[in-house]
Amino acid sequence: ITGIFTICAMSLNLLLGFTGQLSLGHVAFFGIGAYVSALTALGFDVG
């Protein structure tokens, strides 16, 4: 779990540390990645 969030921290550092842009919604990309990957594996039927 620590390794997974460290990857997120490295990705945030690319914005915050190297460009000076603070993203306080970075968790959105983390969650989108989780849902996209899960739905791709599980499948879905949606109207």
Full PDB file with SEQRES, HELIX, SHEET, SSBOND, CRYST1, ORIGX, SCALE, CONECT and MASTER records, all heavy atoms in Angstrom:
SEQRES   1 A   47  ILE THR GLY ILE PHE THR ILE CYS ALA MET SER LEU ASN          
SEQRES   2 A   47  LEU LEU LEU GLY PHE THR GLY GLN LEU SER LEU GLY HIS          
SEQRES   3 A   47  VAL ALA PHE PHE GLY ILE GLY ALA TYR VAL SER ALA LEU          
SEQRES   4 A   47  THR ALA LEU GLY PHE ASP VAL GLY                              
HELIX    1 AA1 THR A    2  LEU A   16  1                                  15    
HELIX    2 AA2 VAL A   27  LEU A   42  1                                  16    
CRYST1    1.000    1.000    1.000  90.00  90.00  90.00 P 1           1          
ORIGX1      1.000000  0.000000  0.000000        0.00000                         
ORIGX2      0.000000  1.000000  0.000000        0.00000                         
ORIGX3      0.000000  0.000000  1.000000        0.00000                         
SCALE1      1.000000  0.000000  0.000000        0.00000                         
SCALE2      0.000000  1.000000  0.000000        0.00000                         
SCALE3      0.000000  0.000000  1.000000        0.00000                         
ATOM      1  N   ILE A   1       0.835  -1.203   0.000  1.00  0.00           N  
ATOM      2  CA  ILE A   1       0.000   0.000   0.000  1.00  0.00           C  
ATOM      3  C   ILE A   1       0.871   1.255   0.000  1.00  0.00           C  
ATOM      4  O   ILE A   1       0.601   2.229  -0.718  1.00  0.00           O  
ATOM      5  CB  ILE A   1      -0.953   0.007   1.212  1.00  0.00           C  
ATOM      6  CG1 ILE A   1      -1.875  -1.225   1.172  1.00  0.00           C  
ATOM      7  CG2 ILE A   1      -1.772   1.286   1.234  1.00  0.00           C  
ATOM      8  CD1 ILE A   1      -2.758  -1.291  -0.059  1.00  0.00           C  
ATOM      9  N   THR A   2       1.943   1.238   0.801  1.00  0.00           N  
ATOM     10  CA  THR A   2       2.865   2.377   0.828  1.00  0.00           C  
ATOM     11  C   THR A   2       3.498   2.592  -0.540  1.00  0.00           C  
ATOM     12  O   THR A   2       3.634   3.733  -1.001  1.00  0.00           O  
ATOM     13  CB  THR A   2       3.960   2.136   1.882  1.00  0.00           C  
ATOM     14  OG1 THR A   2       3.357   2.044   3.176  1.00  0.00           O  
ATOM     15  CG2 THR A   2       4.980   3.271   1.874  1.00  0.00           C  
ATOM     16  N   GLY A   3       3.888   1.503  -1.203  1.00  0.00           N  
ATOM     17  CA  GLY A   3       4.476   1.616  -2.535  1.00  0.00           C  
ATOM     18  C   GLY A   3       3.518   2.226  -3.539  1.00  0.00           C  
ATOM     19  O   GLY A   3       3.916   3.063  -4.366  1.00  0.00           O  
ATOM     20  N   ILE A   4       2.255   1.843  -3.478  1.00  0.00           N  
ATOM     21  CA  ILE A   4       1.254   2.388  -4.397  1.00  0.00           C  
ATOM     22  C   ILE A   4       1.098   3.896  -4.192  1.00  0.00           C  
ATOM     23  O   ILE A   4       1.073   4.682  -5.156  1.00  0.00           O  
ATOM     24  CB  ILE A   4      -0.095   1.666  -4.209  1.00  0.00           C  
ATOM     25  CG1 ILE A   4       0.016   0.218  -4.726  1.00  0.00           C  
ATOM     26  CG2 ILE A   4      -1.220   2.403  -4.933  1.00  0.00           C  
ATOM     27  CD1 ILE A   4      -1.194  -0.641  -4.431  1.00  0.00           C  
ATOM     28  N   PHE A   5       1.029   4.331  -2.931  1.00  0.00           N  
ATOM     29  CA  PHE A   5       0.874   5.758  -2.671  1.00  0.00           C  
ATOM     30  C   PHE A   5       2.170   6.521  -2.916  1.00  0.00           C  
ATOM     31  O   PHE A   5       2.139   7.724  -3.190  1.00  0.00           O  
ATOM     32  CB  PHE A   5       0.348   5.986  -1.257  1.00  0.00           C  
ATOM     33  CG  PHE A   5      -1.142   5.834  -1.158  1.00  0.00           C  
ATOM     34  CD1 PHE A   5      -1.707   4.629  -0.794  1.00  0.00           C  
ATOM     35  CD2 PHE A   5      -1.968   6.887  -1.482  1.00  0.00           C  
ATOM     36  CE1 PHE A   5      -3.086   4.480  -0.737  1.00  0.00           C  
ATOM     37  CE2 PHE A   5      -3.353   6.750  -1.423  1.00  0.00           C  
ATOM     38  CZ  PHE A   5      -3.911   5.542  -1.056  1.00  0.00           C  
ATOM     39  N   THR A   6       3.301   5.835  -2.841  1.00  0.00           N  
ATOM     40  CA  THR A   6       4.560   6.490  -3.194  1.00  0.00           C  
ATOM     41  C   THR A   6       4.608   6.782  -4.687  1.00  0.00           C  
ATOM     42  O   THR A   6       5.140   7.819  -5.111  1.00  0.00           O  
ATOM     43  CB  THR A   6       5.753   5.607  -2.781  1.00  0.00           C  
ATOM     44  OG1 THR A   6       5.722   5.404  -1.361  1.00  0.00           O  
ATOM     45  CG2 THR A   6       7.078   6.262  -3.147  1.00  0.00           C  
ATOM     46  N   ILE A   7       4.063   5.888  -5.505  1.00  0.00           N  
ATOM     47  CA  ILE A   7       3.956   6.164  -6.942  1.00  0.00           C  
ATOM     48  C   ILE A   7       3.109   7.416  -7.170  1.00  0.00           C  
ATOM     49  O   ILE A   7       3.444   8.281  -7.984  1.00  0.00           O  
ATOM     50  CB  ILE A   7       3.346   4.957  -7.683  1.00  0.00           C  
ATOM     51  CG1 ILE A   7       4.266   3.738  -7.590  1.00  0.00           C  
ATOM     52  CG2 ILE A   7       3.087   5.302  -9.159  1.00  0.00           C  
ATOM     53  CD1 ILE A   7       3.640   2.453  -8.118  1.00  0.00           C  
ATOM     54  N   CYS A   8       1.998   7.521  -6.430  1.00  0.00           N  
ATOM     55  CA  CYS A   8       1.160   8.727  -6.525  1.00  0.00           C  
ATOM     56  C   CYS A   8       1.938   9.967  -6.104  1.00  0.00           C  
ATOM     57  O   CYS A   8       1.823  11.033  -6.729  1.00  0.00           O  
ATOM     58  CB  CYS A   8      -0.077   8.573  -5.647  1.00  0.00           C  
ATOM     59  SG  CYS A   8      -1.266   7.363  -6.226  1.00  0.00           S  
ATOM     60  N   ALA A   9       2.736   9.834  -5.031  1.00  0.00           N  
ATOM     61  CA  ALA A   9       3.519  10.979  -4.559  1.00  0.00           C  
ATOM     62  C   ALA A   9       4.556  11.393  -5.599  1.00  0.00           C  
ATOM     63  O   ALA A   9       4.776  12.594  -5.826  1.00  0.00           O  
ATOM     64  CB  ALA A   9       4.204  10.622  -3.239  1.00  0.00           C  
ATOM     65  N   MET A  10       5.196  10.430  -6.249  1.00  0.00           N  
ATOM     66  CA  MET A  10       6.157  10.757  -7.300  1.00  0.00           C  
ATOM     67  C   MET A  10       5.473  11.490  -8.449  1.00  0.00           C  
ATOM     68  O   MET A  10       6.013  12.455  -9.003  1.00  0.00           O  
ATOM     69  CB  MET A  10       6.838   9.483  -7.809  1.00  0.00           C  
ATOM     70  CG  MET A  10       7.860   8.897  -6.868  1.00  0.00           C  
ATOM     71  SD  MET A  10       8.890   7.614  -7.646  1.00  0.00           S  
ATOM     72  CE  MET A  10       7.695   6.295  -7.831  1.00  0.00           C  
ATOM     73  N   SER A  11       4.270  11.029  -8.807  1.00  0.00           N  
ATOM     74  CA  SER A  11       3.549  11.683  -9.900  1.00  0.00           C  
ATOM     75  C   SER A  11       3.139  13.099  -9.508  1.00  0.00           C  
ATOM     76  O   SER A  11       3.220  14.029 -10.316  1.00  0.00           O  
ATOM     77  CB  SER A  11       2.320  10.855 -10.291  1.00  0.00           C  
ATOM     78  OG  SER A  11       1.326  10.879  -9.280  1.00  0.00           O  
ATOM     79  N   LEU A  12       2.705  13.291  -8.257  1.00  0.00           N  
ATOM     80  CA  LEU A  12       2.351  14.634  -7.801  1.00  0.00           C  
ATOM     81  C   LEU A  12       3.574  15.539  -7.747  1.00  0.00           C  
ATOM     82  O   LEU A  12       3.486  16.738  -8.048  1.00  0.00           O  
ATOM     83  CB  LEU A  12       1.692  14.554  -6.418  1.00  0.00           C  
ATOM     84  CG  LEU A  12       1.281  15.885  -5.778  1.00  0.00           C  
ATOM     85  CD1 LEU A  12       0.267  16.624  -6.653  1.00  0.00           C  
ATOM     86  CD2 LEU A  12       0.718  15.660  -4.390  1.00  0.00           C  
ATOM     87  N   ASN A  13       4.725  14.976  -7.380  1.00  0.00           N  
ATOM     88  CA  ASN A  13       5.952  15.762  -7.304  1.00  0.00           C  
ATOM     89  C   ASN A  13       6.359  16.325  -8.663  1.00  0.00           C  
ATOM     90  O   ASN A  13       6.981  17.386  -8.745  1.00  0.00           O  
ATOM     91  CB  ASN A  13       7.083  14.889  -6.748  1.00  0.00           C  
ATOM     92  CG  ASN A  13       8.359  15.673  -6.509  1.00  0.00           C  
ATOM     93  OD1 ASN A  13       8.352  16.740  -5.918  1.00  0.00           O  
ATOM     94  ND2 ASN A  13       9.478  15.137  -6.993  1.00  0.00           N  
ATOM     95  N   LEU A  14       5.994  15.632  -9.724  1.00  0.00           N  
ATOM     96  CA  LEU A  14       6.290  16.136 -11.064  1.00  0.00           C  
ATOM     97  C   LEU A  14       5.601  17.476 -11.294  1.00  0.00           C  
ATOM     98  O   LEU A  14       6.155  18.371 -11.956  1.00  0.00           O  
ATOM     99  CB  LEU A  14       5.841  15.114 -12.117  1.00  0.00           C  
ATOM    100  CG  LEU A  14       6.190  15.427 -13.571  1.00  0.00           C  
ATOM    101  CD1 LEU A  14       7.693  15.530 -13.763  1.00  0.00           C  
ATOM    102  CD2 LEU A  14       5.603  14.365 -14.495  1.00  0.00           C  
ATOM    103  N   LEU A  15       4.399  17.626 -10.725  1.00  0.00           N  
ATOM    104  CA  LEU A  15       3.693  18.901 -10.837  1.00  0.00           C  
ATOM    105  C   LEU A  15       4.114  19.882  -9.753  1.00  0.00           C  
ATOM    106  O   LEU A  15       4.543  20.993 -10.040  1.00  0.00           O  
ATOM    107  CB  LEU A  15       2.174  18.664 -10.739  1.00  0.00           C  
ATOM    108  CG  LEU A  15       1.422  18.259 -12.004  1.00  0.00           C  
ATOM    109  CD1 LEU A  15      -0.039  18.035 -11.675  1.00  0.00           C  
ATOM    110  CD2 LEU A  15       1.564  19.301 -13.081  1.00  0.00           C  
ATOM    111  N   LEU A  16       3.998  19.460  -8.505  1.00  0.00           N  
ATOM    112  CA  LEU A  16       4.247  20.355  -7.389  1.00  0.00           C  
ATOM    113  C   LEU A  16       5.725  20.720  -7.258  1.00  0.00           C  
ATOM    114  O   LEU A  16       6.071  21.876  -7.026  1.00  0.00           O  
ATOM    115  CB  LEU A  16       3.755  19.697  -6.094  1.00  0.00           C  
ATOM    116  CG  LEU A  16       3.996  20.456  -4.790  1.00  0.00           C  
ATOM    117  CD1 LEU A  16       3.350  21.827  -4.836  1.00  0.00           C  
ATOM    118  CD2 LEU A  16       3.476  19.653  -3.610  1.00  0.00           C  
ATOM    119  N   GLY A  17       6.602  19.735  -7.415  1.00  0.00           N  
ATOM    120  CA  GLY A  17       8.017  19.966  -7.178  1.00  0.00           C  
ATOM    121  C   GLY A  17       8.764  20.563  -8.350  1.00  0.00           C  
ATOM    122  O   GLY A  17       9.644  21.408  -8.160  1.00  0.00           O  
ATOM    123  N   PHE A  18       8.413  20.143  -9.578  1.00  0.00           N  
ATOM    124  CA  PHE A  18       9.202  20.568 -10.736  1.00  0.00           C  
ATOM    125  C   PHE A  18       8.546  21.666 -11.564  1.00  0.00           C  
ATOM    126  O   PHE A  18       9.213  22.295 -12.382  1.00  0.00           O  
ATOM    127  CB  PHE A  18       9.513  19.362 -11.616  1.00  0.00           C  
ATOM    128  CG  PHE A  18      10.458  18.389 -10.982  1.00  0.00           C  
ATOM    129  CD1 PHE A  18       9.993  17.208 -10.421  1.00  0.00           C  
ATOM    130  CD2 PHE A  18      11.815  18.659 -10.909  1.00  0.00           C  
ATOM    131  CE1 PHE A  18      10.862  16.312  -9.822  1.00  0.00           C  
ATOM    132  CE2 PHE A  18      12.690  17.772 -10.306  1.00  0.00           C  
ATOM    133  CZ  PHE A  18      12.215  16.592  -9.759  1.00  0.00           C  
ATOM    134  N   THR A  19       7.233  21.889 -11.387  1.00  0.00           N  
ATOM    135  CA  THR A  19       6.581  22.998 -12.102  1.00  0.00           C  
ATOM    136  C   THR A  19       5.976  24.010 -11.146  1.00  0.00           C  
ATOM    137  O   THR A  19       5.582  25.093 -11.579  1.00  0.00           O  
ATOM    138  CB  THR A  19       5.466  22.485 -13.044  1.00  0.00           C  
ATOM    139  OG1 THR A  19       4.365  21.995 -12.263  1.00  0.00           O  
ATOM    140  CG2 THR A  19       5.983  21.384 -13.953  1.00  0.00           C  
ATOM    141  N   GLY A  20       5.875  23.659  -9.851  1.00  0.00           N  
ATOM    142  CA  GLY A  20       5.316  24.589  -8.878  1.00  0.00           C  
ATOM    143  C   GLY A  20       3.809  24.673  -8.891  1.00  0.00           C  
ATOM    144  O   GLY A  20       3.234  25.589  -8.290  1.00  0.00           O  
ATOM    145  N   GLN A  21       3.121  23.725  -9.538  1.00  0.00           N  
ATOM    146  CA  GLN A  21       1.664  23.744  -9.626  1.00  0.00           C  
ATOM    147  C   GLN A  21       1.073  22.750  -8.627  1.00  0.00           C  
ATOM    148  O   GLN A  21       1.351  21.560  -8.697  1.00  0.00           O  
ATOM    149  CB  GLN A  21       1.208  23.387 -11.042  1.00  0.00           C  
ATOM    150  CG  GLN A  21       1.756  24.285 -12.118  1.00  0.00           C  
ATOM    151  CD  GLN A  21       1.342  25.726 -11.942  1.00  0.00           C  
ATOM    152  OE1 GLN A  21       0.178  26.028 -11.664  1.00  0.00           O  
ATOM    153  NE2 GLN A  21       2.291  26.637 -12.107  1.00  0.00           N  
ATOM    154  N   LEU A  22       0.279  23.232  -7.687  1.00  0.00           N  
ATOM    155  CA  LEU A  22      -0.309  22.399  -6.647  1.00  0.00           C  
ATOM    156  C   LEU A  22      -1.640  21.836  -7.116  1.00  0.00           C  
ATOM    157  O   LEU A  22      -2.582  22.580  -7.392  1.00  0.00           O  
ATOM    158  CB  LEU A  22      -0.505  23.208  -5.361  1.00  0.00           C  
ATOM    159  CG  LEU A  22      -1.230  22.493  -4.214  1.00  0.00           C  
ATOM    160  CD1 LEU A  22      -0.462  21.248  -3.794  1.00  0.00           C  
ATOM    161  CD2 LEU A  22      -1.435  23.432  -3.041  1.00  0.00           C  
ATOM    162  N   SER A  23      -1.711  20.517  -7.204  1.00  0.00           N  
ATOM    163  CA  SER A  23      -2.953  19.831  -7.555  1.00  0.00           C  
ATOM    164  C   SER A  23      -3.546  19.218  -6.292  1.00  0.00           C  
ATOM    165  O   SER A  23      -2.966  18.297  -5.721  1.00  0.00           O  
ATOM    166  CB  SER A  23      -2.691  18.741  -8.600  1.00  0.00           C  
ATOM    167  OG  SER A  23      -3.847  17.936  -8.770  1.00  0.00           O  
ATOM    168  N   LEU A  24      -4.692  19.734  -5.858  1.00  0.00           N  
ATOM    169  CA  LEU A  24      -5.368  19.177  -4.687  1.00  0.00           C  
ATOM    170  C   LEU A  24      -6.494  18.227  -5.091  1.00  0.00           C  
ATOM    171  O   LEU A  24      -7.301  17.842  -4.247  1.00  0.00           O  
ATOM    172  CB  LEU A  24      -5.920  20.308  -3.799  1.00  0.00           C  
ATOM    173  CG  LEU A  24      -4.854  21.117  -3.045  1.00  0.00           C  
ATOM    174  CD1 LEU A  24      -5.504  22.181  -2.173  1.00  0.00           C  
ATOM    175  CD2 LEU A  24      -3.968  20.208  -2.205  1.00  0.00           C  
ATOM    176  N   GLY A  25      -6.500  17.852  -6.354  1.00  0.00           N  
ATOM    177  CA  GLY A  25      -7.477  16.871  -6.813  1.00  0.00           C  
ATOM    178  C   GLY A  25      -6.789  15.686  -7.455  1.00  0.00           C  
ATOM    179  O   GLY A  25      -7.376  14.979  -8.281  1.00  0.00           O  
ATOM    180  N   HIS A  26      -5.537  15.453  -7.069  1.00  0.00           N  
ATOM    181  CA  HIS A  26      -4.760  14.399  -7.711  1.00  0.00           C  
ATOM    182  C   HIS A  26      -5.373  13.023  -7.486  1.00  0.00           C  
ATOM    183  O   HIS A  26      -5.176  12.111  -8.285  1.00  0.00           O  
ATOM    184  CB  HIS A  26      -3.328  14.426  -7.183  1.00  0.00           C  
ATOM    185  CG  HIS A  26      -2.322  13.934  -8.167  1.00  0.00           C  
ATOM    186  ND1 HIS A  26      -2.088  14.551  -9.379  1.00  0.00           N  
ATOM    187  CD2 HIS A  26      -1.487  12.855  -8.150  1.00  0.00           C  
ATOM    188  CE1 HIS A  26      -1.161  13.895 -10.044  1.00  0.00           C  
ATOM    189  NE2 HIS A  26      -0.789  12.866  -9.325  1.00  0.00           N  
ATOM    190  N   VAL A  27      -6.117  12.889  -6.396  1.00  0.00           N  
ATOM    191  CA  VAL A  27      -6.745  11.599  -6.106  1.00  0.00           C  
ATOM    192  C   VAL A  27      -7.773  11.230  -7.175  1.00  0.00           C  
ATOM    193  O   VAL A  27      -8.115  10.050  -7.329  1.00  0.00           O  
ATOM    194  CB  VAL A  27      -7.400  11.641  -4.705  1.00  0.00           C  
ATOM    195  CG1 VAL A  27      -8.650  12.509  -4.712  1.00  0.00           C  
ATOM    196  CG2 VAL A  27      -7.723  10.252  -4.207  1.00  0.00           C  
ATOM    197  N   ALA A  28      -8.256  12.216  -7.927  1.00  0.00           N  
ATOM    198  CA  ALA A  28      -9.220  11.923  -8.995  1.00  0.00           C  
ATOM    199  C   ALA A  28      -8.614  10.979 -10.018  1.00  0.00           C  
ATOM    200  O   ALA A  28      -9.267  10.025 -10.472  1.00  0.00           O  
ATOM    201  CB  ALA A  28      -9.671  13.219  -9.665  1.00  0.00           C  
ATOM    202  N   PHE A  29      -7.358  11.210 -10.396  1.00  0.00           N  
ATOM    203  CA  PHE A  29      -6.709  10.349 -11.391  1.00  0.00           C  
ATOM    204  C   PHE A  29      -6.446   8.956 -10.812  1.00  0.00           C  
ATOM    205  O   PHE A  29      -6.551   7.953 -11.514  1.00  0.00           O  
ATOM    206  CB  PHE A  29      -5.407  10.999 -11.850  1.00  0.00           C  
ATOM    207  CG  PHE A  29      -5.592  12.398 -12.365  1.00  0.00           C  
ATOM    208  CD1 PHE A  29      -5.013  13.482 -11.722  1.00  0.00           C  
ATOM    209  CD2 PHE A  29      -6.368  12.645 -13.482  1.00  0.00           C  
ATOM    210  CE1 PHE A  29      -5.198  14.774 -12.180  1.00  0.00           C  
ATOM    211  CE2 PHE A  29      -6.561  13.933 -13.965  1.00  0.00           C  
ATOM    212  CZ  PHE A  29      -5.982  15.001 -13.308  1.00  0.00           C  
ATOM    213  N   PHE A  30      -6.112   8.916  -9.537  1.00  0.00           N  
ATOM    214  CA  PHE A  30      -5.936   7.633  -8.850  1.00  0.00           C  
ATOM    215  C   PHE A  30      -7.239   6.830  -8.885  1.00  0.00           C  
ATOM    216  O   PHE A  30      -7.254   5.646  -9.233  1.00  0.00           O  
ATOM    217  CB  PHE A  30      -5.512   7.905  -7.405  1.00  0.00           C  
ATOM    218  CG  PHE A  30      -5.360   6.685  -6.552  1.00  0.00           C  
ATOM    219  CD1 PHE A  30      -4.258   5.846  -6.683  1.00  0.00           C  
ATOM    220  CD2 PHE A  30      -6.311   6.378  -5.591  1.00  0.00           C  
ATOM    221  CE1 PHE A  30      -4.112   4.723  -5.884  1.00  0.00           C  
ATOM    222  CE2 PHE A  30      -6.176   5.257  -4.785  1.00  0.00           C  
ATOM    223  CZ  PHE A  30      -5.073   4.425  -4.928  1.00  0.00           C  
ATOM    224  N   GLY A  31      -8.355   7.489  -8.553  1.00  0.00           N  
ATOM    225  CA  GLY A  31      -9.646   6.802  -8.547  1.00  0.00           C  
ATOM    226  C   GLY A  31     -10.121   6.418  -9.933  1.00  0.00           C  
ATOM    227  O   GLY A  31     -10.682   5.329 -10.129  1.00  0.00           O  
ATOM    228  N   ILE A  32      -9.906   7.302 -10.905  1.00  0.00           N  
ATOM    229  CA  ILE A  32     -10.305   6.974 -12.285  1.00  0.00           C  
ATOM    230  C   ILE A  32      -9.538   5.755 -12.768  1.00  0.00           C  
ATOM    231  O   ILE A  32     -10.106   4.845 -13.388  1.00  0.00           O  
ATOM    232  CB  ILE A  32     -10.067   8.180 -13.211  1.00  0.00           C  
ATOM    233  CG1 ILE A  32     -11.045   9.308 -12.896  1.00  0.00           C  
ATOM    234  CG2 ILE A  32     -10.205   7.772 -14.679  1.00  0.00           C  
ATOM    235  CD1 ILE A  32     -10.760  10.595 -13.641  1.00  0.00           C  
ATOM    236  N   GLY A  33      -8.242   5.723 -12.501  1.00  0.00           N  
ATOM    237  CA  GLY A  33      -7.445   4.554 -12.889  1.00  0.00           C  
ATOM    238  C   GLY A  33      -7.959   3.282 -12.257  1.00  0.00           C  
ATOM    239  O   GLY A  33      -8.024   2.220 -12.912  1.00  0.00           O  
ATOM    240  N   ALA A  34      -8.364   3.362 -10.987  1.00  0.00           N  
ATOM    241  CA  ALA A  34      -8.881   2.180 -10.291  1.00  0.00           C  
ATOM    242  C   ALA A  34     -10.185   1.702 -10.930  1.00  0.00           C  
ATOM    243  O   ALA A  34     -10.362   0.499 -11.194  1.00  0.00           O  
ATOM    244  CB  ALA A  34      -9.096   2.503  -8.818  1.00  0.00           C  
ATOM    245  N   TYR A  35     -11.097   2.621 -11.199  1.00  0.00           N  
ATOM    246  CA  TYR A  35     -12.391   2.233 -11.767  1.00  0.00           C  
ATOM    247  C   TYR A  35     -12.262   1.754 -13.208  1.00  0.00           C  
ATOM    248  O   TYR A  35     -12.903   0.768 -13.604  1.00  0.00           O  
ATOM    249  CB  TYR A  35     -13.375   3.405 -11.684  1.00  0.00           C  
ATOM    250  CG  TYR A  35     -14.189   3.410 -10.415  1.00  0.00           C  
ATOM    251  CD1 TYR A  35     -13.852   4.232  -9.348  1.00  0.00           C  
ATOM    252  CD2 TYR A  35     -15.299   2.582 -10.272  1.00  0.00           C  
ATOM    253  CE1 TYR A  35     -14.593   4.236  -8.176  1.00  0.00           C  
ATOM    254  CE2 TYR A  35     -16.052   2.578  -9.113  1.00  0.00           C  
ATOM    255  CZ  TYR A  35     -15.689   3.405  -8.062  1.00  0.00           C  
ATOM    256  OH  TYR A  35     -16.426   3.395  -6.903  1.00  0.00           O  
ATOM    257  N   VAL A  36     -11.457   2.436 -14.011  1.00  0.00           N  
ATOM    258  CA  VAL A  36     -11.291   2.012 -15.411  1.00  0.00           C  
ATOM    259  C   VAL A  36     -10.717   0.610 -15.481  1.00  0.00           C  
ATOM    260  O   VAL A  36     -11.196  -0.250 -16.232  1.00  0.00           O  
ATOM    261  CB  VAL A  36     -10.388   3.011 -16.170  1.00  0.00           C  
ATOM    262  CG1 VAL A  36      -9.957   2.433 -17.517  1.00  0.00           C  
ATOM    263  CG2 VAL A  36     -11.111   4.339 -16.377  1.00  0.00           C  
ATOM    264  N   SER A  37      -9.693   0.342 -14.697  1.00  0.00           N  
ATOM    265  CA  SER A  37      -9.056  -0.971 -14.719  1.00  0.00           C  
ATOM    266  C   SER A  37     -10.004  -2.050 -14.203  1.00  0.00           C  
ATOM    267  O   SER A  37     -10.094  -3.141 -14.777  1.00  0.00           O  
ATOM    268  CB  SER A  37      -7.779  -0.932 -13.878  1.00  0.00           C  
ATOM    269  OG  SER A  37      -6.988  -2.068 -14.117  1.00  0.00           O  
ATOM    270  N   ALA A  38     -10.736  -1.741 -13.123  1.00  0.00           N  
ATOM    271  CA  ALA A  38     -11.661  -2.721 -12.552  1.00  0.00           C  
ATOM    272  C   ALA A  38     -12.799  -3.038 -13.515  1.00  0.00           C  
ATOM    273  O   ALA A  38     -13.153  -4.214 -13.721  1.00  0.00           O  
ATOM    274  CB  ALA A  38     -12.213  -2.204 -11.230  1.00  0.00           C  
ATOM    275  N   LEU A  39     -13.382  -1.998 -14.134  1.00  0.00           N  
ATOM    276  CA  LEU A  39     -14.494  -2.221 -15.055  1.00  0.00           C  
ATOM    277  C   LEU A  39     -14.039  -2.931 -16.325  1.00  0.00           C  
ATOM    278  O   LEU A  39     -14.792  -3.719 -16.912  1.00  0.00           O  
ATOM    279  CB  LEU A  39     -15.155  -0.888 -15.402  1.00  0.00           C  
ATOM    280  CG  LEU A  39     -15.961  -0.236 -14.274  1.00  0.00           C  
ATOM    281  CD1 LEU A  39     -16.356   1.188 -14.644  1.00  0.00           C  
ATOM    282  CD2 LEU A  39     -17.204  -1.061 -13.966  1.00  0.00           C  
ATOM    283  N   THR A  40     -12.810  -2.671 -16.759  1.00  0.00           N  
ATOM    284  CA  THR A  40     -12.280  -3.376 -17.927  1.00  0.00           C  
ATOM    285  C   THR A  40     -12.156  -4.866 -17.638  1.00  0.00           C  
ATOM    286  O   THR A  40     -12.409  -5.704 -18.514  1.00  0.00           O  
ATOM    287  CB  THR A  40     -10.905  -2.813 -18.322  1.00  0.00           C  
ATOM    288  OG1 THR A  40     -11.038  -1.420 -18.613  1.00  0.00           O  
ATOM    289  CG2 THR A  40     -10.350  -3.525 -19.541  1.00  0.00           C  
ATOM    290  N   ALA A  41     -11.771  -5.219 -16.428  1.00  0.00           N  
ATOM    291  CA  ALA A  41     -11.615  -6.625 -16.072  1.00  0.00           C  
ATOM    292  C   ALA A  41     -12.955  -7.297 -15.771  1.00  0.00           C  
ATOM    293  O   ALA A  41     -13.166  -8.459 -16.130  1.00  0.00           O  
ATOM    294  CB  ALA A  41     -10.688  -6.753 -14.860  1.00  0.00           C  
ATOM    295  N   LEU A  42     -13.879  -6.564 -15.121  1.00  0.00           N  
ATOM    296  CA  LEU A  42     -15.153  -7.163 -14.710  1.00  0.00           C  
ATOM    297  C   LEU A  42     -16.196  -7.159 -15.814  1.00  0.00           C  
ATOM    298  O   LEU A  42     -17.050  -8.037 -15.877  1.00  0.00           O  
ATOM    299  CB  LEU A  42     -15.710  -6.400 -13.501  1.00  0.00           C  
ATOM    300  CG  LEU A  42     -14.955  -6.535 -12.177  1.00  0.00           C  
ATOM    301  CD1 LEU A  42     -15.521  -5.556 -11.164  1.00  0.00           C  
ATOM    302  CD2 LEU A  42     -15.041  -7.961 -11.660  1.00  0.00           C  
ATOM    303  N   GLY A  43     -16.148  -6.148 -16.670  1.00  0.00           N  
ATOM    304  CA  GLY A  43     -17.193  -5.957 -17.657  1.00  0.00           C  
ATOM    305  C   GLY A  43     -18.335  -5.124 -17.083  1.00  0.00           C  
ATOM    306  O   GLY A  43     -18.395  -4.865 -15.879  1.00  0.00           O  
ATOM    307  N   PHE A  44     -19.268  -4.722 -17.958  1.00  0.00           N  
ATOM    308  CA  PHE A  44     -20.397  -3.905 -17.501  1.00  0.00           C  
ATOM    309  C   PHE A  44     -21.513  -3.958 -18.536  1.00  0.00           C  
ATOM    310  O   PHE A  44     -21.302  -4.330 -19.696  1.00  0.00           O  
ATOM    311  CB  PHE A  44     -19.963  -2.451 -17.264  1.00  0.00           C  
ATOM    312  CG  PHE A  44     -19.240  -1.823 -18.418  1.00  0.00           C  
ATOM    313  CD1 PHE A  44     -19.928  -1.230 -19.470  1.00  0.00           C  
ATOM    314  CD2 PHE A  44     -17.855  -1.845 -18.469  1.00  0.00           C  
ATOM    315  CE1 PHE A  44     -19.260  -0.661 -20.540  1.00  0.00           C  
ATOM    316  CE2 PHE A  44     -17.174  -1.275 -19.536  1.00  0.00           C  
ATOM    317  CZ  PHE A  44     -17.869  -0.679 -20.572  1.00  0.00           C  
ATOM    318  N   ASP A  45     -22.694  -3.588 -18.087  1.00  0.00           N  
ATOM    319  CA  ASP A  45     -23.872  -3.491 -18.954  1.00  0.00           C  
ATOM    320  C   ASP A  45     -24.611  -2.236 -18.527  1.00  0.00           C  
ATOM    321  O   ASP A  45     -25.269  -2.206 -17.481  1.00  0.00           O  
ATOM    322  CB  ASP A  45     -24.754  -4.736 -18.792  1.00  0.00           C  
ATOM    323  CG  ASP A  45     -25.963  -4.711 -19.714  1.00  0.00           C  
ATOM    324  OD1 ASP A  45     -26.012  -3.837 -20.604  1.00  0.00           O  
ATOM    325  OD2 ASP A  45     -26.873  -5.545 -19.532  1.00  0.00           O  
ATOM    326  N   VAL A  46     -24.493  -1.181 -19.295  1.00  0.00           N  
ATOM    327  CA  VAL A  46     -24.985   0.118 -18.864  1.00  0.00           C  
ATOM    328  C   VAL A  46     -25.817   0.767 -19.958  1.00  0.00           C  
ATOM    329  O   VAL A  46     -25.501   0.665 -21.151  1.00  0.00           O  
ATOM    330  CB  VAL A  46     -23.795   1.032 -18.464  1.00  0.00           C  
ATOM    331  CG1 VAL A  46     -22.862   1.256 -19.636  1.00  0.00           C  
ATOM    332  CG2 VAL A  46     -24.279   2.356 -17.898  1.00  0.00           C  
ATOM    333  N   GLY A  47     -26.900   1.416 -19.537  1.00  0.00           N  
ATOM    334  CA  GLY A  47     -27.753   2.127 -20.469  1.00  0.00           C  
ATOM    335  C   GLY A  47     -27.277   3.550 -20.683  1.00  0.00           C  
ATOM    336  O   GLY A  47     -26.756   4.195 -19.773  1.00  0.00           O  
TER     337      GLY A  47                                                      
MASTER        0    0    0    2    0    0    0    6  336    1    0    4          
END                                                                             
